[in-house]
């Protein structure tokens, strides 16, 4: 039972991490394509 819970928890955490990375990546791409001048200027 403990091993099963650990396995499911690990897969659950991995799925969340992948989703966060994917959302963050798409968000950054949106910002870059939306306003390249804002990103280029310091």
PDB file of N, CA and C in Angstrom:
ATOM      1  N   UNK A   1       0.844  -1.201   0.000  1.00  0.00           N
ATOM      2  CA  UNK A   1       0.000   0.000   0.000  1.00  0.00           C
ATOM      3  C   UNK A   1       0.878   1.249   0.000  1.00  0.00           C
ATOM      4  N   UNK A   2       1.912   1.253   0.823  1.00  0.00           N
ATOM      5  CA  UNK A   2       2.779   2.427   0.909  1.00  0.00           C
ATOM      6  C   UNK A   2       3.494   2.660  -0.420  1.00  0.00           C
ATOM      7  N   UNK A   3       4.019   1.582  -1.011  1.00  0.00           N
ATOM      8  CA  UNK A   3       4.725   1.731  -2.285  1.00  0.00           C
ATOM      9  C   UNK A   3       3.764   2.247  -3.357  1.00  0.00           C
ATOM     10  N   UNK A   4       2.542   1.730  -3.369  1.00  0.00           N
ATOM     11  CA  UNK A   4       1.573   2.165  -4.362  1.00  0.00           C
ATOM     12  C   UNK A   4       1.289   3.663  -4.207  1.00  0.00           C
ATOM     13  N   UNK A   5       1.112   4.110  -2.958  1.00  0.00           N
ATOM     14  CA  UNK A   5       0.847   5.522  -2.711  1.00  0.00           C
ATOM     15  C   UNK A   5       2.032   6.371  -3.150  1.00  0.00           C
ATOM     16  N   UNK A   6       3.248   5.912  -2.872  1.00  0.00           N
ATOM     17  CA  UNK A   6       4.425   6.662  -3.264  1.00  0.00           C
ATOM     18  C   UNK A   6       4.518   6.778  -4.778  1.00  0.00           C
ATOM     19  N   UNK A   7       4.189   5.681  -5.465  1.00  0.00           N
ATOM     20  CA  UNK A   7       4.281   5.689  -6.922  1.00  0.00           C
ATOM     21  C   UNK A   7       3.257   6.668  -7.501  1.00  0.00           C
ATOM     22  N   UNK A   8       2.029   6.605  -7.033  1.00  0.00           N
ATOM     23  CA  UNK A   8       0.993   7.490  -7.548  1.00  0.00           C
ATOM     24  C   UNK A   8       1.327   8.954  -7.216  1.00  0.00           C
ATOM     25  N   UNK A   9       1.861   9.178  -6.017  1.00  0.00           N
ATOM     26  CA  UNK A   9       2.221  10.542  -5.623  1.00  0.00           C
ATOM     27  C   UNK A   9       3.327  11.069  -6.523  1.00  0.00           C
ATOM     28  N   UNK A  10       4.300  10.199  -6.845  1.00  0.00           N
ATOM     29  CA  UNK A  10       5.408  10.625  -7.692  1.00  0.00           C
ATOM     30  C   UNK A  10       4.891  10.981  -9.086  1.00  0.00           C
ATOM     31  N   UNK A  11       4.016  10.141  -9.624  1.00  0.00           N
ATOM     32  CA  UNK A  11       3.461  10.422 -10.959  1.00  0.00           C
ATOM     33  C   UNK A  11       2.622  11.696 -10.914  1.00  0.00           C
ATOM     34  N   UNK A  12       1.877  11.883  -9.811  1.00  0.00           N
ATOM     35  CA  UNK A  12       1.045  13.078  -9.674  1.00  0.00           C
ATOM     36  C   UNK A  12       1.912  14.335  -9.637  1.00  0.00           C
ATOM     37  N   UNK A  13       3.001  14.296  -8.854  1.00  0.00           N
ATOM     38  CA  UNK A  13       3.899  15.442  -8.752  1.00  0.00           C
ATOM     39  C   UNK A  13       4.572  15.698 -10.103  1.00  0.00           C
ATOM     40  N   UNK A  14       4.961  14.620 -10.779  1.00  0.00           N
ATOM     41  CA  UNK A  14       5.614  14.775 -12.083  1.00  0.00           C
ATOM     42  C   UNK A  14       4.662  15.432 -13.074  1.00  0.00           C
ATOM     43  N   UNK A  15       3.407  15.020 -13.059  1.00  0.00           N
ATOM     44  CA  UNK A  15       2.420  15.606 -13.970  1.00  0.00           C
ATOM     45  C   UNK A  15       2.232  17.096 -13.683  1.00  0.00           C
ATOM     46  N   UNK A  16       2.199  17.463 -12.415  1.00  0.00           N
ATOM     47  CA  UNK A  16       2.038  18.877 -12.057  1.00  0.00           C
ATOM     48  C   UNK A  16       3.253  19.676 -12.521  1.00  0.00           C
ATOM     49  N   UNK A  17       4.458  19.107 -12.313  1.00  0.00           N
ATOM     50  CA  UNK A  17       5.679  19.812 -12.716  1.00  0.00           C
ATOM     51  C   UNK A  17       5.683  20.031 -14.224  1.00  0.00           C
ATOM     52  N   UNK A  18       5.305  19.003 -14.976  1.00  0.00           N
ATOM     53  CA  UNK A  18       5.282  19.122 -16.437  1.00  0.00           C
ATOM     54  C   UNK A  18       4.262  20.172 -16.859  1.00  0.00           C
ATOM     55  N   UNK A  19       3.095  20.159 -16.194  1.00  0.00           N
ATOM     56  CA  UNK A  19       2.047  21.125 -16.546  1.00  0.00           C
ATOM     57  C   UNK A  19       2.514  22.548 -16.251  1.00  0.00           C
ATOM     58  N   UNK A  20       3.170  22.747 -15.105  1.00  0.00           N
ATOM     59  CA  UNK A  20       3.655  24.081 -14.737  1.00  0.00           C
ATOM     60  C   UNK A  20       4.704  24.548 -15.739  1.00  0.00           C
ATOM     61  N   UNK A  21       5.634  23.646 -16.089  1.00  0.00           N
ATOM     62  CA  UNK A  21       6.684  24.017 -17.049  1.00  0.00           C
ATOM     63  C   UNK A  21       6.057  24.354 -18.398  1.00  0.00           C
ATOM     64  N   UNK A  22       5.075  23.549 -18.813  1.00  0.00           N
ATOM     65  CA  UNK A  22       4.435  23.790 -20.111  1.00  0.00           C
ATOM     66  C   UNK A  22       3.707  25.131 -20.106  1.00  0.00           C
ATOM     67  N   UNK A  23       2.960  25.400 -19.024  1.00  0.00           N
ATOM     68  CA  UNK A  23       2.227  26.661 -18.941  1.00  0.00           C
ATOM     69  C   UNK A  23       3.194  27.838 -18.894  1.00  0.00           C
ATOM     70  N   UNK A  24       4.271  27.677 -18.129  1.00  0.00           N
ATOM     71  CA  UNK A  24       5.252  28.762 -18.016  1.00  0.00           C
ATOM     72  C   UNK A  24       5.903  29.019 -19.367  1.00  0.00           C
ATOM     73  N   UNK A  25       6.256  27.958 -20.085  1.00  0.00           N
ATOM     74  CA  UNK A  25       6.891  28.104 -21.399  1.00  0.00           C
ATOM     75  C   UNK A  25       5.958  28.801 -22.383  1.00  0.00           C
ATOM     76  N   UNK A  26       4.700  28.383 -22.423  1.00  0.00           N
ATOM     77  CA  UNK A  26       3.752  28.994 -23.355  1.00  0.00           C
ATOM     78  C   UNK A  26       3.518  30.455 -22.965  1.00  0.00           C
ATOM     79  N   UNK A  27       3.512  30.745 -21.655  1.00  0.00           N
ATOM     80  CA  UNK A  27       3.290  32.115 -21.195  1.00  0.00           C
ATOM     81  C   UNK A  27       4.456  32.997 -21.639  1.00  0.00           C
ATOM     82  N   UNK A  28       5.685  32.504 -21.479  1.00  0.00           N
ATOM     83  CA  UNK A  28       6.856  33.278 -21.898  1.00  0.00           C
ATOM     84  C   UNK A  28       6.818  33.503 -23.404  1.00  0.00           C
ATOM     85  N   UNK A  29       6.444  32.480 -24.169  1.00  0.00           N
ATOM     86  CA  UNK A  29       6.376  32.632 -25.620  1.00  0.00           C
ATOM     87  C   UNK A  29       5.345  33.700 -25.979  1.00  0.00           C
ATOM     88  N   UNK A  30       4.210  33.691 -25.274  1.00  0.00           N
ATOM     89  CA  UNK A  30       3.182  34.696 -25.539  1.00  0.00           C
ATOM     90  C   UNK A  30       3.732  36.098 -25.298  1.00  0.00           C
ATOM     91  N   UNK A  31       4.446  36.272 -24.181  1.00  0.00           N
ATOM     92  CA  UNK A  31       4.991  37.598 -23.855  1.00  0.00           C
ATOM     93  C   UNK A  31       5.987  38.030 -24.928  1.00  0.00           C
ATOM     94  N   UNK A  32       6.865  37.099 -25.337  1.00  0.00           N
ATOM     95  CA  UNK A  32       7.897  37.440 -26.327  1.00  0.00           C
ATOM     96  C   UNK A  32       7.249  37.825 -27.656  1.00  0.00           C
ATOM     97  N   UNK A  33       6.244  37.049 -28.081  1.00  0.00           N
ATOM     98  CA  UNK A  33       5.613  37.330 -29.374  1.00  0.00           C
ATOM     99  C   UNK A  33       4.711  38.564 -29.262  1.00  0.00           C
ATOM    100  N   UNK A  34       4.184  38.806 -28.057  1.00  0.00           N
ATOM    101  CA  UNK A  34       3.263  39.931 -27.875  1.00  0.00           C
ATOM    102  C   UNK A  34       4.011  41.259 -27.899  1.00  0.00           C
ATOM    103  N   UNK A  35       5.098  41.359 -27.116  1.00  0.00           N
ATOM    104  CA  UNK A  35       5.819  42.634 -27.034  1.00  0.00           C
ATOM    105  C   UNK A  35       7.325  42.377 -27.045  1.00  0.00           C
ATOM    106  N   UNK A  36       7.915  42.203 -28.224  1.00  0.00           N
ATOM    107  CA  UNK A  36       9.358  41.981 -28.324  1.00  0.00           C
ATOM    108  C   UNK A  36      10.163  43.210 -27.918  1.00  0.00           C
ATOM    109  N   UNK A  37       9.589  44.394 -28.078  1.00  0.00           N
ATOM    110  CA  UNK A  37      10.306  45.616 -27.729  1.00  0.00           C
ATOM    111  C   UNK A  37      10.486  45.710 -26.215  1.00  0.00           C
ATOM    112  N   UNK A  38       9.457  45.327 -25.457  1.00  0.00           N
ATOM    113  CA  UNK A  38       9.557  45.385 -23.999  1.00  0.00           C
ATOM    114  C   UNK A  38      10.618  44.414 -23.500  1.00  0.00           C
ATOM    115  N   UNK A  39      10.697  43.240 -24.136  1.00  0.00           N
ATOM    116  CA  UNK A  39      11.676  42.242 -23.700  1.00  0.00           C
ATOM    117  C   UNK A  39      13.080  42.688 -24.099  1.00  0.00           C
ATOM    118  N   UNK A  40      13.218  43.359 -25.255  1.00  0.00           N
ATOM    119  CA  UNK A  40      14.538  43.762 -25.736  1.00  0.00           C
ATOM    120  C   UNK A  40      15.111  44.914 -24.929  1.00  0.00           C
ATOM    121  N   UNK A  41      14.264  45.833 -24.480  1.00  0.00           N
ATOM    122  CA  UNK A  41      14.775  46.986 -23.738  1.00  0.00           C
ATOM    123  C   UNK A  41      15.053  46.608 -22.289  1.00  0.00           C
ATOM    124  N   UNK A  42      16.164  47.064 -21.720  1.00  0.00           N
ATOM    125  CA  UNK A  42      16.517  46.745 -20.334  1.00  0.00           C
ATOM    126  C   UNK A  42      15.684  47.546 -19.329  1.00  0.00           C
TER     127      UNK A  42
END
